[in-house]
Amino acid sequence: MSKHTEKLKKQLLEISEVVNAFQSEAVQLRIVDKLLDTMLEAERGEADVDNLGKRTPRNGDEERLIGKKKPGATKILYQLLASDFFNIPQSISSIAEHCRDQFEADFKTSELSGILLKLSNEGKLIRQRNNDNNRFEYVKS
C-alpha cells in the first residue's frame, strides 16, 4: 500500500472510537465524510481549514466564505416561483440561463427538469408546449 493509504488508515483507526460512539450510522458517515473532505483540502492546500472543516478565505478568494454555500436548484426555483419570473412562460434553457446570470449557479437543464415537473404536478407551475419550437415552457399557475 502507498504511504498515503497507510497514513489514512492510521488516522481512521485513531478516530474510530469517537465516530463509533454515535449510534446513528448516518451521523457516523457524515462525520467521516467531513473529516475526509477537510483532510483532502488541507493536503491540497486549497484553503486554510480549521478543525470544524469550515473553509477560510485565502489570498482574496471571496468565493470561499465560512459557512457560505451556494443554494441548490430546488431552492433557487422556489425563489423564482415566489418572484414574478414565472409570470411569463419560460423555457428550461431560459431558466438555466437566468440561474447562471442572477445566482451564479450553473445548472444543467437535466438538473432543473425534474424539479420543474414536480412543481407542475403540484399545481404551482403550468407546463405547456410552445407551438413554435415544440418545447415545454413553464408559467405560474
Protein backbone atom coordinates (compact mmCIF):
# COMPACT_ATOMS: atom_id res chain seq x y z
CA MET A 1 0.00 0.00 0.00
CA SER A 2 1.12 3.56 -0.57
CA LYS A 3 2.28 5.81 2.24
CA HIS A 4 -0.80 7.96 1.75
CA THR A 5 -3.13 4.96 2.22
CA GLU A 6 -1.23 3.82 5.30
CA LYS A 7 -1.43 7.32 6.78
CA LEU A 8 -5.16 7.49 6.11
CA LYS A 9 -5.71 4.05 7.62
CA LYS A 10 -3.83 5.07 10.78
CA GLN A 11 -5.85 8.28 11.07
CA LEU A 12 -9.14 6.41 10.66
CA LEU A 13 -8.15 4.00 13.42
CA GLU A 14 -7.44 6.96 15.69
CA ILE A 15 -10.90 8.48 15.17
CA SER A 16 -12.87 5.23 15.00
CA GLU A 17 -13.67 5.13 18.72
CA VAL A 18 -15.12 8.62 18.67
CA VAL A 19 -17.10 8.00 15.46
CA ASN A 20 -18.43 4.66 16.68
CA ALA A 21 -19.71 6.33 19.85
CA PHE A 22 -22.55 7.71 17.72
CA GLN A 23 -25.31 5.14 17.31
CA SER A 24 -26.64 6.58 14.08
CA GLU A 25 -24.85 5.23 11.03
CA ALA A 26 -25.89 8.32 9.09
CA VAL A 27 -24.17 10.56 11.66
CA GLN A 28 -21.08 8.37 11.58
CA LEU A 29 -20.89 8.58 7.78
CA ARG A 30 -21.38 12.31 7.82
CA ILE A 31 -18.59 12.82 10.37
CA VAL A 32 -16.16 10.64 8.42
CA ASP A 33 -17.12 12.39 5.18
CA LYS A 34 -16.48 15.83 6.69
CA LEU A 35 -13.17 14.71 8.13
CA LEU A 36 -12.01 13.24 4.83
CA ASP A 37 -13.03 16.38 2.94
CA THR A 38 -11.17 18.52 5.44
CA MET A 39 -8.06 16.34 5.23
CA LEU A 40 -8.08 16.43 1.42
CA GLU A 41 -8.45 20.20 1.32
CA ALA A 42 -5.68 20.64 3.86
CA GLU A 43 -3.37 18.36 1.88
CA ARG A 44 -4.09 20.12 -1.38
CA GLY A 45 -3.55 23.49 0.23
CA GLU A 46 -6.72 24.79 -1.41
CA ALA A 47 -7.75 26.67 1.70
CA ASP A 48 -6.80 27.17 5.30
CA VAL A 49 -9.03 24.79 7.23
CA ASP A 50 -9.93 24.97 10.89
CA ASN A 51 -10.82 21.95 12.99
CA LEU A 52 -14.53 22.24 12.16
CA GLY A 53 -13.97 21.81 8.45
CA LYS A 54 -15.03 25.35 7.57
CA ARG A 55 -13.18 27.00 4.74
CA THR A 56 -11.37 30.25 5.36
CA PRO A 57 -10.60 32.72 2.57
CA ARG A 58 -7.02 32.72 1.30
CA ASN A 59 -5.35 35.25 -0.98
CA GLY A 60 -8.55 37.21 -1.64
CA ASP A 61 -10.58 34.17 -2.62
CA GLU A 62 -14.01 35.66 -1.96
CA GLU A 63 -15.98 32.60 -3.05
CA ARG A 64 -14.78 30.54 -0.09
CA LEU A 65 -16.52 32.22 2.82
CA ILE A 66 -17.08 30.46 6.10
CA GLY A 67 -20.50 28.82 6.22
CA LYS A 68 -21.48 30.25 2.82
CA LYS A 69 -22.81 27.72 0.37
CA LYS A 70 -24.47 28.34 -2.97
CA PRO A 71 -28.15 27.43 -3.00
CA GLY A 72 -29.23 24.34 -4.90
CA ALA A 73 -31.55 24.13 -7.88
CA THR A 74 -34.66 23.43 -5.80
CA LYS A 75 -34.12 26.42 -3.54
CA ILE A 76 -33.46 28.74 -6.47
CA LEU A 77 -36.55 27.54 -8.36
CA TYR A 78 -38.71 28.16 -5.29
CA GLN A 79 -37.24 31.67 -5.06
CA LEU A 80 -38.08 32.24 -8.71
CA LEU A 81 -41.57 30.90 -8.09
CA ALA A 82 -42.06 33.44 -5.29
CA SER A 83 -40.93 36.25 -7.61
CA ASP A 84 -42.54 37.42 -10.84
CA PHE A 85 -40.13 35.41 -13.02
CA PHE A 86 -42.72 32.79 -14.00
CA ASN A 87 -45.40 35.37 -14.81
CA ILE A 88 -44.40 34.90 -18.44
CA PRO A 89 -43.70 31.46 -19.95
CA GLN A 90 -40.08 30.37 -19.50
CA SER A 91 -38.25 27.61 -21.35
CA ILE A 92 -35.93 25.35 -19.41
CA SER A 93 -32.92 26.87 -21.17
CA SER A 94 -34.02 30.41 -20.27
CA ILE A 95 -34.45 29.28 -16.65
CA ALA A 96 -30.93 27.80 -16.62
CA GLU A 97 -29.54 30.99 -18.17
CA HIS A 98 -31.34 33.15 -15.60
CA CYS A 99 -29.91 30.99 -12.77
CA ARG A 100 -26.43 31.41 -14.24
CA ASP A 101 -26.78 35.19 -14.62
CA GLN A 102 -28.62 36.05 -11.42
CA PHE A 103 -27.45 33.39 -8.96
CA GLU A 104 -24.08 32.38 -10.45
CA ALA A 105 -25.42 28.82 -10.42
CA ASP A 106 -24.55 26.78 -13.48
CA PHE A 107 -27.26 24.11 -13.63
CA LYS A 108 -27.70 21.66 -16.46
CA THR A 109 -31.19 21.60 -17.89
CA SER A 110 -31.45 17.97 -16.75
CA GLU A 111 -30.95 19.14 -13.14
CA LEU A 112 -33.86 21.55 -13.47
CA SER A 113 -36.30 19.40 -15.46
CA GLY A 114 -37.26 17.03 -12.63
CA ILE A 115 -37.88 19.86 -10.19
CA LEU A 116 -39.93 21.77 -12.76
CA LEU A 117 -42.02 18.67 -13.47
CA LYS A 118 -42.62 18.23 -9.73
CA LEU A 119 -43.71 21.87 -9.41
CA SER A 120 -46.11 21.43 -12.33
CA ASN A 121 -47.51 18.20 -10.86
CA GLU A 122 -48.11 20.05 -7.59
CA GLY A 123 -50.02 22.75 -9.50
CA LYS A 124 -47.54 25.51 -8.73
CA LEU A 125 -46.48 25.82 -12.37
CA ILE A 126 -48.26 25.09 -15.61
CA ARG A 127 -46.25 23.09 -18.13
CA GLN A 128 -47.25 23.85 -21.71
CA ARG A 129 -45.78 23.18 -25.15
CA ASN A 130 -44.60 26.10 -27.22
CA ASN A 131 -46.14 25.75 -30.69
CA ASP A 132 -43.15 27.43 -32.38
CA ASN A 133 -40.41 25.09 -31.18
CA ASN A 134 -42.44 22.22 -29.65
CA ARG A 135 -40.61 22.56 -26.31
CA PHE A 136 -42.07 22.84 -22.85
CA GLU A 137 -42.43 26.19 -21.14
CA TYR A 138 -43.33 26.85 -17.54
CA VAL A 139 -45.60 29.60 -16.25
CA LYS A 140 -47.07 30.38 -12.85
CA SER A 141 -50.49 28.83 -12.32
